[in-house]
Amino acid sequence: MRTRPPGSFEVFAPSIDLGGGTATATRLAAAAAFGLAGIGPDEIDVAQLQDTEAGAEIMHMAENGFCADGDQEEWLAEGRTRID
């Protein structure tokens, strides 16, 4: 398990290898939550991502499955996170 996969937005710590793979605590928790709910991230219309660091919220967009790693900047520029 890694704290952050390579290519994610690294804000407060570099990626630390905790045993291999691309799993993070957030990815594992999101997969468990979606599994219990019987839905996927593509079925969510509105979500609130919260962290004490604004940069971490951007990382969580991908870690929760709402977009691919690295697509966050494009999503923000296109206004895809804006509530109309």
PDB file of N, CA and C in Angstrom:
ATOM      1  N   MET A   1       0.850  -1.165   0.000  1.00  0.00           N
ATOM      2  CA  MET A   1       0.000   0.000   0.000  1.00  0.00           C
ATOM      3  C   MET A   1       0.894   1.226   0.000  1.00  0.00           C
ATOM      4  N   ARG A   2       0.481   2.266  -0.700  1.00  0.00           N
ATOM      5  CA  ARG A   2       1.228   3.523  -0.751  1.00  0.00           C
ATOM      6  C   ARG A   2       0.373   4.620  -0.134  1.00  0.00           C
ATOM      7  N   THR A   3       1.040   5.635   0.406  1.00  0.00           N
ATOM      8  CA  THR A   3       0.285   6.768   0.915  1.00  0.00           C
ATOM      9  C   THR A   3      -0.301   7.564  -0.233  1.00  0.00           C
ATOM     10  N   ARG A   4       0.393   7.668  -1.349  1.00  0.00           N
ATOM     11  CA  ARG A   4      -0.088   8.320  -2.566  1.00  0.00           C
ATOM     12  C   ARG A   4       0.565   7.633  -3.759  1.00  0.00           C
ATOM     13  N   PRO A   5      -0.188   7.403  -4.848  1.00  0.00           N
ATOM     14  CA  PRO A   5       0.412   6.787  -6.026  1.00  0.00           C
ATOM     15  C   PRO A   5       1.263   7.796  -6.793  1.00  0.00           C
ATOM     16  N   PRO A   6       2.277   7.321  -7.523  1.00  0.00           N
ATOM     17  CA  PRO A   6       3.061   8.235  -8.354  1.00  0.00           C
ATOM     18  C   PRO A   6       2.147   8.997  -9.306  1.00  0.00           C
ATOM     19  N   GLY A   7       2.397  10.279  -9.502  1.00  0.00           N
ATOM     20  CA  GLY A   7       1.586  11.096 -10.390  1.00  0.00           C
ATOM     21  C   GLY A   7       0.438  11.803  -9.704  1.00  0.00           C
ATOM     22  N   SER A   8       0.170  11.481  -8.455  1.00  0.00           N
ATOM     23  CA  SER A   8      -0.885  12.200  -7.739  1.00  0.00           C
ATOM     24  C   SER A   8      -0.347  13.558  -7.316  1.00  0.00           C
ATOM     25  N   PHE A   9      -1.213  14.411  -6.891  1.00  0.00           N
ATOM     26  CA  PHE A   9      -0.803  15.728  -6.433  1.00  0.00           C
ATOM     27  C   PHE A   9      -0.158  15.579  -5.060  1.00  0.00           C
ATOM     28  N   GLU A  10       1.157  15.687  -5.002  1.00  0.00           N
ATOM     29  CA  GLU A  10       1.880  15.547  -3.740  1.00  0.00           C
ATOM     30  C   GLU A  10       1.947  16.907  -3.060  1.00  0.00           C
ATOM     31  N   VAL A  11       1.299  17.056  -1.923  1.00  0.00           N
ATOM     32  CA  VAL A  11       1.239  18.335  -1.239  1.00  0.00           C
ATOM     33  C   VAL A  11       2.119  18.353  -0.007  1.00  0.00           C
ATOM     34  N   PHE A  12       1.948  17.402   0.873  1.00  0.00           N
ATOM     35  CA  PHE A  12       2.617  17.476   2.164  1.00  0.00           C
ATOM     36  C   PHE A  12       3.572  16.331   2.435  1.00  0.00           C
ATOM     37  N   ALA A  13       3.653  15.326   1.568  1.00  0.00           N
ATOM     38  CA  ALA A  13       4.585  14.225   1.789  1.00  0.00           C
ATOM     39  C   ALA A  13       4.836  13.499   0.477  1.00  0.00           C
ATOM     40  N   PRO A  14       6.030  12.998   0.277  1.00  0.00           N
ATOM     41  CA  PRO A  14       6.274  12.178  -0.905  1.00  0.00           C
ATOM     42  C   PRO A  14       5.592  10.822  -0.751  1.00  0.00           C
ATOM     43  N   SER A  15       5.462  10.128  -1.839  1.00  0.00           N
ATOM     44  CA  SER A  15       4.886   8.794  -1.799  1.00  0.00           C
ATOM     45  C   SER A  15       5.809   7.855  -1.041  1.00  0.00           C
ATOM     46  N   ILE A  16       5.255   7.088  -0.140  1.00  0.00           N
ATOM     47  CA  ILE A  16       6.024   6.146   0.665  1.00  0.00           C
ATOM     48  C   ILE A  16       5.503   4.745   0.373  1.00  0.00           C
ATOM     49  N   ASP A  17       6.373   3.861  -0.050  1.00  0.00           N
ATOM     50  CA  ASP A  17       5.976   2.493  -0.358  1.00  0.00           C
ATOM     51  C   ASP A  17       5.710   1.730   0.937  1.00  0.00           C
ATOM     52  N   LEU A  18       4.480   1.277   1.094  1.00  0.00           N
ATOM     53  CA  LEU A  18       4.099   0.517   2.285  1.00  0.00           C
ATOM     54  C   LEU A  18       3.814  -0.938   1.944  1.00  0.00           C
ATOM     55  N   GLY A  19       4.394  -1.428   0.875  1.00  0.00           N
ATOM     56  CA  GLY A  19       4.207  -2.832   0.546  1.00  0.00           C
ATOM     57  C   GLY A  19       3.874  -3.100  -0.907  1.00  0.00           C
ATOM     58  N   GLY A  20       3.914  -2.101  -1.738  1.00  0.00           N
ATOM     59  CA  GLY A  20       3.662  -2.292  -3.157  1.00  0.00           C
ATOM     60  C   GLY A  20       2.230  -2.007  -3.553  1.00  0.00           C
ATOM     61  N   GLY A  21       2.011  -1.877  -4.838  1.00  0.00           N
ATOM     62  CA  GLY A  21       0.682  -1.613  -5.368  1.00  0.00           C
ATOM     63  C   GLY A  21       0.343  -0.136  -5.361  1.00  0.00           C
ATOM     64  N   THR A  22      -0.865   0.178  -5.801  1.00  0.00           N
ATOM     65  CA  THR A  22      -1.308   1.571  -5.873  1.00  0.00           C
ATOM     66  C   THR A  22      -2.400   1.886  -4.864  1.00  0.00           C
ATOM     67  N   ALA A  23      -2.716   0.956  -3.977  1.00  0.00           N
ATOM     68  CA  ALA A  23      -3.781   1.182  -2.999  1.00  0.00           C
ATOM     69  C   ALA A  23      -3.362   2.236  -1.983  1.00  0.00           C
ATOM     70  N   THR A  24      -4.296   3.080  -1.614  1.00  0.00           N
ATOM     71  CA  THR A  24      -4.113   4.031  -0.523  1.00  0.00           C
ATOM     72  C   THR A  24      -5.260   3.813   0.448  1.00  0.00           C
ATOM     73  N   ALA A  25      -5.144   4.356   1.623  1.00  0.00           N
ATOM     74  CA  ALA A  25      -6.230   4.229   2.599  1.00  0.00           C
ATOM     75  C   ALA A  25      -7.527   4.789   2.031  1.00  0.00           C
ATOM     76  N   THR A  26      -7.446   5.915   1.332  1.00  0.00           N
ATOM     77  CA  THR A  26      -8.644   6.520   0.740  1.00  0.00           C
ATOM     78  C   THR A  26      -9.233   5.618  -0.327  1.00  0.00           C
ATOM     79  N   ARG A  27      -8.396   5.072  -1.207  1.00  0.00           N
ATOM     80  CA  ARG A  27      -8.893   4.177  -2.262  1.00  0.00           C
ATOM     81  C   ARG A  27      -9.571   2.940  -1.661  1.00  0.00           C
ATOM     82  N   LEU A  28      -8.954   2.370  -0.641  1.00  0.00           N
ATOM     83  CA  LEU A  28      -9.530   1.187  -0.002  1.00  0.00           C
ATOM     84  C   LEU A  28     -10.860   1.512   0.672  1.00  0.00           C
ATOM     85  N   ALA A  29     -10.933   2.645   1.358  1.00  0.00           N
ATOM     86  CA  ALA A  29     -12.177   3.045   2.025  1.00  0.00           C
ATOM     87  C   ALA A  29     -13.271   3.333   1.008  1.00  0.00           C
ATOM     88  N   ALA A  30     -12.921   4.013  -0.091  1.00  0.00           N
ATOM     89  CA  ALA A  30     -13.908   4.318  -1.127  1.00  0.00           C
ATOM     90  C   ALA A  30     -14.441   3.035  -1.754  1.00  0.00           C
ATOM     91  N   ALA A  31     -13.551   2.097  -2.066  1.00  0.00           N
ATOM     92  CA  ALA A  31     -13.985   0.828  -2.656  1.00  0.00           C
ATOM     93  C   ALA A  31     -14.921   0.081  -1.710  1.00  0.00           C
ATOM     94  N   ALA A  32     -14.600   0.078  -0.431  1.00  0.00           N
ATOM     95  CA  ALA A  32     -15.458  -0.590   0.549  1.00  0.00           C
ATOM     96  C   ALA A  32     -16.817   0.093   0.643  1.00  0.00           C
ATOM     97  N   ALA A  33     -16.828   1.418   0.675  1.00  0.00           N
ATOM     98  CA  ALA A  33     -18.094   2.159   0.785  1.00  0.00           C
ATOM     99  C   ALA A  33     -18.966   1.948  -0.448  1.00  0.00           C
ATOM    100  N   PHE A  34     -18.368   2.045  -1.638  1.00  0.00           N
ATOM    101  CA  PHE A  34     -19.144   1.825  -2.859  1.00  0.00           C
ATOM    102  C   PHE A  34     -19.631   0.383  -2.936  1.00  0.00           C
ATOM    103  N   GLY A  35     -18.804  -0.559  -2.495  1.00  0.00           N
ATOM    104  CA  GLY A  35     -19.216  -1.961  -2.486  1.00  0.00           C
ATOM    105  C   GLY A  35     -20.408  -2.202  -1.578  1.00  0.00           C
ATOM    106  N   LEU A  36     -20.377  -1.625  -0.389  1.00  0.00           N
ATOM    107  CA  LEU A  36     -21.499  -1.769   0.543  1.00  0.00           C
ATOM    108  C   LEU A  36     -22.765  -1.120   0.003  1.00  0.00           C
ATOM    109  N   ALA A  37     -22.601   0.021  -0.676  1.00  0.00           N
ATOM    110  CA  ALA A  37     -23.760   0.739  -1.212  1.00  0.00           C
ATOM    111  C   ALA A  37     -24.290   0.102  -2.494  1.00  0.00           C
ATOM    112  N   GLY A  38     -23.467  -0.712  -3.145  1.00  0.00           N
ATOM    113  CA  GLY A  38     -23.891  -1.342  -4.388  1.00  0.00           C
ATOM    114  C   GLY A  38     -23.920  -0.393  -5.567  1.00  0.00           C
ATOM    115  N   ILE A  39     -23.145   0.671  -5.504  1.00  0.00           N
ATOM    116  CA  ILE A  39     -23.061   1.643  -6.593  1.00  0.00           C
ATOM    117  C   ILE A  39     -21.588   1.958  -6.861  1.00  0.00           C
ATOM    118  N   GLY A  40     -21.342   2.709  -7.913  1.00  0.00           N
ATOM    119  CA  GLY A  40     -19.985   3.144  -8.230  1.00  0.00           C
ATOM    120  C   GLY A  40     -19.901   4.651  -8.232  1.00  0.00           C
ATOM    121  N   PRO A  41     -18.694   5.191  -8.304  1.00  0.00           N
ATOM    122  CA  PRO A  41     -18.531   6.643  -8.285  1.00  0.00           C
ATOM    123  C   PRO A  41     -19.213   7.341  -9.462  1.00  0.00           C
ATOM    124  N   ASP A  42     -19.410   6.627 -10.568  1.00  0.00           N
ATOM    125  CA  ASP A  42     -20.088   7.216 -11.726  1.00  0.00           C
ATOM    126  C   ASP A  42     -21.581   7.427 -11.479  1.00  0.00           C
ATOM    127  N   GLU A  43     -22.099   6.900 -10.383  1.00  0.00           N
ATOM    128  CA  GLU A  43     -23.513   7.066 -10.049  1.00  0.00           C
ATOM    129  C   GLU A  43     -23.750   8.166  -9.017  1.00  0.00           C
ATOM    130  N   ILE A  44     -22.719   8.908  -8.680  1.00  0.00           N
ATOM    131  CA  ILE A  44     -22.816   9.996  -7.705  1.00  0.00           C
ATOM    132  C   ILE A  44     -22.978  11.320  -8.448  1.00  0.00           C
ATOM    133  N   ASP A  45     -24.014  12.080  -8.113  1.00  0.00           N
ATOM    134  CA  ASP A  45     -24.236  13.387  -8.735  1.00  0.00           C
ATOM    135  C   ASP A  45     -23.541  14.509  -7.979  1.00  0.00           C
ATOM    136  N   VAL A  46     -23.547  14.450  -6.652  1.00  0.00           N
ATOM    137  CA  VAL A  46     -22.936  15.485  -5.817  1.00  0.00           C
ATOM    138  C   VAL A  46     -22.187  14.792  -4.687  1.00  0.00           C
ATOM    139  N   ALA A  47     -20.955  15.215  -4.451  1.00  0.00           N
ATOM    140  CA  ALA A  47     -20.165  14.660  -3.350  1.00  0.00           C
ATOM    141  C   ALA A  47     -19.390  15.785  -2.681  1.00  0.00           C
ATOM    142  N   GLN A  48     -19.212  15.681  -1.391  1.00  0.00           N
ATOM    143  CA  GLN A  48     -18.380  16.629  -0.657  1.00  0.00           C
ATOM    144  C   GLN A  48     -17.143  15.883  -0.188  1.00  0.00           C
ATOM    145  N   LEU A  49     -15.984  16.344  -0.626  1.00  0.00           N
ATOM    146  CA  LEU A  49     -14.713  15.773  -0.194  1.00  0.00           C
ATOM    147  C   LEU A  49     -14.094  16.741   0.788  1.00  0.00           C
ATOM    148  N   GLN A  50     -13.728  16.255   1.960  1.00  0.00           N
ATOM    149  CA  GLN A  50     -13.214  17.136   3.009  1.00  0.00           C
ATOM    150  C   GLN A  50     -11.885  16.626   3.507  1.00  0.00           C
ATOM    151  N   ASP A  51     -10.964  17.536   3.707  1.00  0.00           N
ATOM    152  CA  ASP A  51      -9.685  17.244   4.334  1.00  0.00           C
ATOM    153  C   ASP A  51      -9.200  18.547   4.931  1.00  0.00           C
ATOM    154  N   THR A  52      -8.242  18.472   5.816  1.00  0.00           N
ATOM    155  CA  THR A  52      -7.718  19.688   6.434  1.00  0.00           C
ATOM    156  C   THR A  52      -6.812  20.466   5.496  1.00  0.00           C
ATOM    157  N   GLU A  53      -6.385  19.866   4.410  1.00  0.00           N
ATOM    158  CA  GLU A  53      -5.551  20.528   3.411  1.00  0.00           C
ATOM    159  C   GLU A  53      -6.313  20.565   2.096  1.00  0.00           C
ATOM    160  N   ALA A  54      -6.447  21.751   1.488  1.00  0.00           N
ATOM    161  CA  ALA A  54      -7.187  21.880   0.233  1.00  0.00           C
ATOM    162  C   ALA A  54      -6.591  20.994  -0.857  1.00  0.00           C
ATOM    163  N   GLY A  55      -5.281  20.869  -0.892  1.00  0.00           N
ATOM    164  CA  GLY A  55      -4.638  20.020  -1.897  1.00  0.00           C
ATOM    165  C   GLY A  55      -5.033  18.570  -1.762  1.00  0.00           C
ATOM    166  N   ALA A  56      -5.252  18.125  -0.542  1.00  0.00           N
ATOM    167  CA  ALA A  56      -5.653  16.738  -0.325  1.00  0.00           C
ATOM    168  C   ALA A  56      -7.043  16.485  -0.899  1.00  0.00           C
ATOM    169  N   GLU A  57      -7.911  17.466  -0.836  1.00  0.00           N
ATOM    170  CA  GLU A  57      -9.241  17.310  -1.420  1.00  0.00           C
ATOM    171  C   GLU A  57      -9.134  17.052  -2.916  1.00  0.00           C
ATOM    172  N   ILE A  58      -8.182  17.713  -3.568  1.00  0.00           N
ATOM    173  CA  ILE A  58      -7.975  17.504  -5.004  1.00  0.00           C
ATOM    174  C   ILE A  58      -7.471  16.089  -5.258  1.00  0.00           C
ATOM    175  N   MET A  59      -6.569  15.601  -4.430  1.00  0.00           N
ATOM    176  CA  MET A  59      -6.094  14.218  -4.570  1.00  0.00           C
ATOM    177  C   MET A  59      -7.242  13.236  -4.377  1.00  0.00           C
ATOM    178  N   HIS A  60      -8.117  13.514  -3.424  1.00  0.00           N
ATOM    179  CA  HIS A  60      -9.220  12.603  -3.121  1.00  0.00           C
ATOM    180  C   HIS A  60     -10.211  12.482  -4.274  1.00  0.00           C
ATOM    181  N   MET A  61     -10.258  13.467  -5.177  1.00  0.00           N
ATOM    182  CA  MET A  61     -11.137  13.357  -6.337  1.00  0.00           C
ATOM    183  C   MET A  61     -10.826  12.081  -7.113  1.00  0.00           C
ATOM    184  N   ALA A  62      -9.542  11.817  -7.333  1.00  0.00           N
ATOM    185  CA  ALA A  62      -9.139  10.605  -8.057  1.00  0.00           C
ATOM    186  C   ALA A  62      -9.170   9.387  -7.150  1.00  0.00           C
ATOM    187  N   GLU A  63      -8.738   9.547  -5.920  1.00  0.00           N
ATOM    188  CA  GLU A  63      -8.669   8.396  -5.018  1.00  0.00           C
ATOM    189  C   GLU A  63     -10.043   7.817  -4.698  1.00  0.00           C
ATOM    190  N   ASN A  64     -11.086   8.634  -4.805  1.00  0.00           N
ATOM    191  CA  ASN A  64     -12.447   8.143  -4.599  1.00  0.00           C
ATOM    192  C   ASN A  64     -13.085   7.663  -5.900  1.00  0.00           C
ATOM    193  N   GLY A  65     -12.344   7.742  -7.003  1.00  0.00           N
ATOM    194  CA  GLY A  65     -12.825   7.206  -8.269  1.00  0.00           C
ATOM    195  C   GLY A  65     -13.644   8.156  -9.111  1.00  0.00           C
ATOM    196  N   PHE A  66     -13.686   9.436  -8.755  1.00  0.00           N
ATOM    197  CA  PHE A  66     -14.487  10.385  -9.523  1.00  0.00           C
ATOM    198  C   PHE A  66     -13.801  10.809 -10.813  1.00  0.00           C
ATOM    199  N   CYS A  67     -12.478  10.731 -10.880  1.00  0.00           N
ATOM    200  CA  CYS A  67     -11.722  11.016 -12.095  1.00  0.00           C
ATOM    201  C   CYS A  67     -10.422  10.225 -12.032  1.00  0.00           C
ATOM    202  N   ALA A  68      -9.700  10.195 -13.133  1.00  0.00           N
ATOM    203  CA  ALA A  68      -8.414   9.488 -13.172  1.00  0.00           C
ATOM    204  C   ALA A  68      -7.335  10.346 -12.518  1.00  0.00           C
ATOM    205  N   ASP A  69      -6.293   9.697 -11.996  1.00  0.00           N
ATOM    206  CA  ASP A  69      -5.155  10.442 -11.452  1.00  0.00           C
ATOM    207  C   ASP A  69      -4.623  11.391 -12.519  1.00  0.00           C
ATOM    208  N   GLY A  70      -4.438  12.638 -12.155  1.00  0.00           N
ATOM    209  CA  GLY A  70      -3.913  13.636 -13.075  1.00  0.00           C
ATOM    210  C   GLY A  70      -4.974  14.430 -13.813  1.00  0.00           C
ATOM    211  N   ASP A  71      -6.235  13.998 -13.768  1.00  0.00           N
ATOM    212  CA  ASP A  71      -7.314  14.716 -14.461  1.00  0.00           C
ATOM    213  C   ASP A  71      -7.916  15.838 -13.622  1.00  0.00           C
ATOM    214  N   GLN A  72      -7.501  15.967 -12.374  1.00  0.00           N
ATOM    215  CA  GLN A  72      -8.109  16.945 -11.483  1.00  0.00           C
ATOM    216  C   GLN A  72      -7.974  18.371 -12.020  1.00  0.00           C
ATOM    217  N   GLU A  73      -6.799  18.737 -12.507  1.00  0.00           N
ATOM    218  CA  GLU A  73      -6.588  20.104 -13.002  1.00  0.00           C
ATOM    219  C   GLU A  73      -7.535  20.416 -14.154  1.00  0.00           C
ATOM    220  N   GLU A  74      -7.696  19.472 -15.063  1.00  0.00           N
ATOM    221  CA  GLU A  74      -8.612  19.656 -16.186  1.00  0.00           C
ATOM    222  C   GLU A  74     -10.051  19.798 -15.695  1.00  0.00           C
ATOM    223  N   TRP A  75     -10.448  18.964 -14.739  1.00  0.00           N
ATOM    224  CA  TRP A  75     -11.799  19.052 -14.184  1.00  0.00           C
ATOM    225  C   TRP A  75     -12.057  20.432 -13.592  1.00  0.00           C
ATOM    226  N   LEU A  76     -11.089  20.950 -12.829  1.00  0.00           N
ATOM    227  CA  LEU A  76     -11.254  22.269 -12.211  1.00  0.00           C
ATOM    228  C   LEU A  76     -11.316  23.358 -13.271  1.00  0.00           C
ATOM    229  N   ALA A  77     -10.431  23.299 -14.274  1.00  0.00           N
ATOM    230  CA  ALA A  77     -10.396  24.313 -15.332  1.00  0.00           C
ATOM    231  C   ALA A  77     -11.690  24.318 -16.143  1.00  0.00           C
ATOM    232  N   GLU A  78     -12.265  23.150 -16.367  1.00  0.00           N
ATOM    233  CA  GLU A  78     -13.507  23.035 -17.136  1.00  0.00           C
ATOM    234  C   GLU A  78     -14.745  23.367 -16.312  1.00  0.00           C
ATOM    235  N   GLY A  79     -14.581  23.537 -15.005  1.00  0.00           N
ATOM    236  CA  GLY A  79     -15.722  23.838 -14.152  1.00  0.00           C
ATOM    237  C   GLY A  79     -16.560  22.626 -13.798  1.00  0.00           C
ATOM    238  N   ARG A  80     -16.016  21.437 -13.955  1.00  0.00           N
ATOM    239  CA  ARG A  80     -16.789  20.217 -13.694  1.00  0.00           C
ATOM    240  C   ARG A  80     -17.100  20.025 -12.218  1.00  0.00           C
ATOM    241  N   THR A  81     -16.411  20.742 -11.342  1.00  0.00           N
ATOM    242  CA  THR A  81     -16.679  20.628  -9.906  1.00  0.00           C
ATOM    243  C   THR A  81     -17.591  21.746  -9.405  1.00  0.00           C
ATOM    244  N   ARG A  82     -17.941  22.657 -10.285  1.00  0.00           N
ATOM    245  CA  ARG A  82     -18.790  23.792  -9.912  1.00  0.00           C
ATOM    246  C   ARG A  82     -20.238  23.323  -9.732  1.00  0.00           C
ATOM    247  N   ILE A  83     -20.901  23.880  -8.756  1.00  0.00           N
ATOM    248  CA  ILE A  83     -22.322  23.605  -8.557  1.00  0.00           C
ATOM    249  C   ILE A  83     -23.101  24.755  -9.174  1.00  0.00           C
ATOM    250  N   ASP A  84     -23.903  24.448 -10.167  1.00  0.00           N
ATOM    251  CA  ASP A  84     -24.708  25.485 -10.848  1.00  0.00           C
ATOM    252  C   ASP A  84     -26.087  25.572 -10.244  1.00  0.00           C
TER     253      ASP A  84
END
